[in-house]
N, C-alpha and C. Protein backbone atom coordinates (compact mmCIF):
# COMPACT_ATOMS: atom_id res chain seq x y z
N UNK A 1 -52.45 -105.26 -65.14
CA UNK A 1 -53.05 -105.83 -66.20
C UNK A 1 -53.49 -107.23 -65.90
N UNK A 2 -54.76 -107.53 -65.87
CA UNK A 2 -55.25 -108.73 -65.47
C UNK A 2 -54.88 -109.64 -66.50
N UNK A 3 -54.73 -111.34 -66.10
CA UNK A 3 -54.10 -112.20 -66.76
C UNK A 3 -55.43 -112.70 -67.61
N UNK A 4 -55.10 -113.37 -68.75
CA UNK A 4 -56.25 -113.77 -69.49
C UNK A 4 -56.82 -115.09 -69.17
N UNK A 5 -58.17 -115.12 -69.07
CA UNK A 5 -58.64 -116.02 -68.67
C UNK A 5 -59.57 -117.15 -70.07
N UNK A 6 -59.87 -118.01 -69.64
CA UNK A 6 -60.22 -119.02 -70.85
C UNK A 6 -61.99 -118.39 -70.76
N UNK A 7 -62.41 -118.61 -71.88
CA UNK A 7 -64.10 -117.88 -71.93
C UNK A 7 -64.84 -118.90 -71.51
N UNK A 8 -64.53 -120.19 -71.32
CA UNK A 8 -65.44 -121.17 -71.04
C UNK A 8 -65.69 -121.05 -69.66
N UNK A 9 -64.54 -120.58 -68.69
CA UNK A 9 -64.57 -120.07 -67.22
C UNK A 9 -65.44 -118.98 -67.00
N UNK A 10 -65.95 -118.01 -67.93
CA UNK A 10 -66.54 -116.88 -67.60
C UNK A 10 -67.87 -117.27 -68.11
N UNK A 11 -68.04 -118.08 -68.86
CA UNK A 11 -69.37 -118.14 -69.61
C UNK A 11 -70.33 -118.95 -68.56
N UNK A 12 -71.64 -119.07 -69.04
CA UNK A 12 -72.81 -119.40 -68.43
C UNK A 12 -72.24 -121.14 -67.64
N UNK A 13 -72.88 -121.82 -66.82
CA UNK A 13 -72.80 -122.90 -66.52
C UNK A 13 -73.03 -124.26 -67.53
N UNK A 14 -74.20 -123.87 -68.25
CA UNK A 14 -74.48 -124.74 -69.19
C UNK A 14 -73.82 -124.59 -70.54
N UNK A 15 -73.04 -123.70 -70.74
CA UNK A 15 -72.49 -123.46 -71.76
C UNK A 15 -71.27 -124.54 -72.20
N UNK A 16 -70.68 -124.93 -71.28
CA UNK A 16 -69.56 -125.68 -71.30
C UNK A 16 -69.88 -127.16 -72.31
N UNK A 17 -71.18 -127.82 -71.95
CA UNK A 17 -71.82 -128.77 -72.56
C UNK A 17 -71.84 -128.26 -74.16
N UNK A 18 -72.29 -127.39 -74.30
CA UNK A 18 -72.69 -126.74 -75.67
C UNK A 18 -71.29 -126.62 -76.26
N UNK A 19 -70.25 -125.99 -76.00
CA UNK A 19 -69.01 -125.73 -76.56
C UNK A 19 -68.56 -127.15 -76.97
N UNK A 20 -68.76 -128.40 -76.10
CA UNK A 20 -68.14 -129.62 -76.57
C UNK A 20 -68.92 -130.17 -77.60
N UNK A 21 -69.96 -129.96 -77.58
CA UNK A 21 -71.09 -130.32 -78.68
C UNK A 21 -70.60 -129.63 -80.25
N UNK A 22 -70.26 -128.13 -80.17
CA UNK A 22 -69.99 -127.51 -81.18
C UNK A 22 -68.60 -127.99 -81.67
N UNK A 23 -67.60 -128.18 -80.81
CA UNK A 23 -66.14 -128.72 -81.10
C UNK A 23 -66.27 -130.14 -81.82
N UNK A 24 -67.20 -130.88 -81.33
CA UNK A 24 -67.34 -132.39 -82.11
C UNK A 24 -67.92 -132.47 -83.12
N UNK A 25 -69.06 -131.26 -83.58
CA UNK A 25 -69.66 -131.38 -84.97
C UNK A 25 -68.76 -130.69 -85.69
N UNK A 26 -67.93 -129.60 -85.55
CA UNK A 26 -66.83 -129.29 -86.14
C UNK A 26 -65.67 -130.12 -86.89
N UNK A 27 -65.50 -131.04 -85.75
CA UNK A 27 -64.63 -132.33 -85.93
C UNK A 27 -65.08 -133.26 -87.05
N UNK A 28 -66.16 -133.37 -86.80
CA UNK A 28 -67.24 -134.19 -87.54
C UNK A 28 -67.19 -133.78 -89.17
N UNK A 29 -67.37 -132.47 -89.34
CA UNK A 29 -67.81 -131.69 -90.61
C UNK A 29 -66.25 -131.56 -91.22
N UNK A 30 -65.24 -131.52 -90.34
CA UNK A 30 -63.82 -131.55 -91.15
C UNK A 30 -63.72 -132.88 -91.64
N UNK A 31 -63.71 -133.94 -90.81
CA UNK A 31 -63.61 -135.07 -91.22
C UNK A 31 -64.25 -135.67 -92.50
N UNK A 32 -65.62 -135.01 -92.66
CA UNK A 32 -66.61 -135.26 -93.79
C UNK A 32 -65.78 -134.71 -95.16
N UNK A 33 -65.28 -133.62 -94.85
CA UNK A 33 -64.63 -132.78 -96.03
C UNK A 33 -63.45 -133.10 -96.39
N UNK A 34 -63.02 -134.01 -95.43
CA UNK A 34 -61.49 -134.56 -95.67
C UNK A 34 -61.86 -135.85 -96.50
N UNK A 35 -62.92 -136.63 -96.18
CA UNK A 35 -63.16 -137.83 -96.91
C UNK A 35 -63.65 -137.39 -98.48
N UNK A 36 -64.37 -136.49 -98.38
CA UNK A 36 -64.70 -136.00 -100.24
C UNK A 36 -63.44 -135.40 -100.59
N UNK A 37 -62.46 -134.85 -100.13
CA UNK A 37 -61.24 -134.17 -100.71
C UNK A 37 -60.55 -135.37 -101.30
N UNK A 38 -60.25 -136.41 -100.14
CA UNK A 38 -59.45 -137.58 -100.70
C UNK A 38 -59.97 -138.45 -101.49
N UNK A 39 -61.13 -138.77 -101.76
CA UNK A 39 -61.94 -139.50 -102.58
C UNK A 39 -61.95 -138.84 -104.03
N UNK A 40 -62.05 -137.59 -104.29
CA UNK A 40 -61.97 -136.59 -105.43
C UNK A 40 -60.44 -136.95 -105.86
N UNK A 41 -59.68 -136.74 -105.19
CA UNK A 41 -58.08 -137.10 -105.45
C UNK A 41 -58.15 -138.64 -105.84
N UNK A 42 -58.40 -139.44 -105.42
CA UNK A 42 -58.52 -140.43 -105.62
C UNK A 42 -59.34 -141.22 -106.85
N UNK A 43 -60.37 -140.50 -106.90
CA UNK A 43 -60.91 -140.67 -108.23
C UNK A 43 -60.37 -140.05 -109.64
N UNK A 44 -59.37 -139.23 -109.47
CA UNK A 44 -58.66 -138.43 -110.39
C UNK A 44 -57.57 -139.48 -110.60
N UNK A 45 -56.88 -139.98 -109.59
CA UNK A 45 -55.76 -140.79 -109.92
C UNK A 45 -56.20 -142.30 -111.01
N UNK A 46 -57.37 -142.59 -110.24
CA UNK A 46 -57.66 -143.99 -111.06
C UNK A 46 -58.35 -143.90 -112.47
N UNK A 47 -58.92 -142.79 -112.61
CA UNK A 47 -59.16 -141.97 -114.04
C UNK A 47 -57.97 -141.93 -114.84
N UNK A 48 -56.98 -141.28 -114.21
CA UNK A 48 -56.05 -141.01 -115.17
C UNK A 48 -55.09 -142.48 -115.42
N UNK A 49 -55.16 -143.43 -114.46
CA UNK A 49 -54.49 -144.68 -114.61
C UNK A 49 -55.17 -145.46 -116.25
N UNK A 50 -56.38 -144.99 -116.63
CA UNK A 50 -56.91 -146.04 -117.44
C UNK A 50 -56.86 -145.60 -118.89
């Protein structure tokens, strides 16, 4: 049985930069979603104190 290799090593030469961009954009969208989530929690708490 052959050892498993990383898919980036098997992929085409230009795909490493593409995977890096995809990872960065996924992280950016996750941070945006987290900001919305936390802001809605904060709004709920602020409205509850009034």
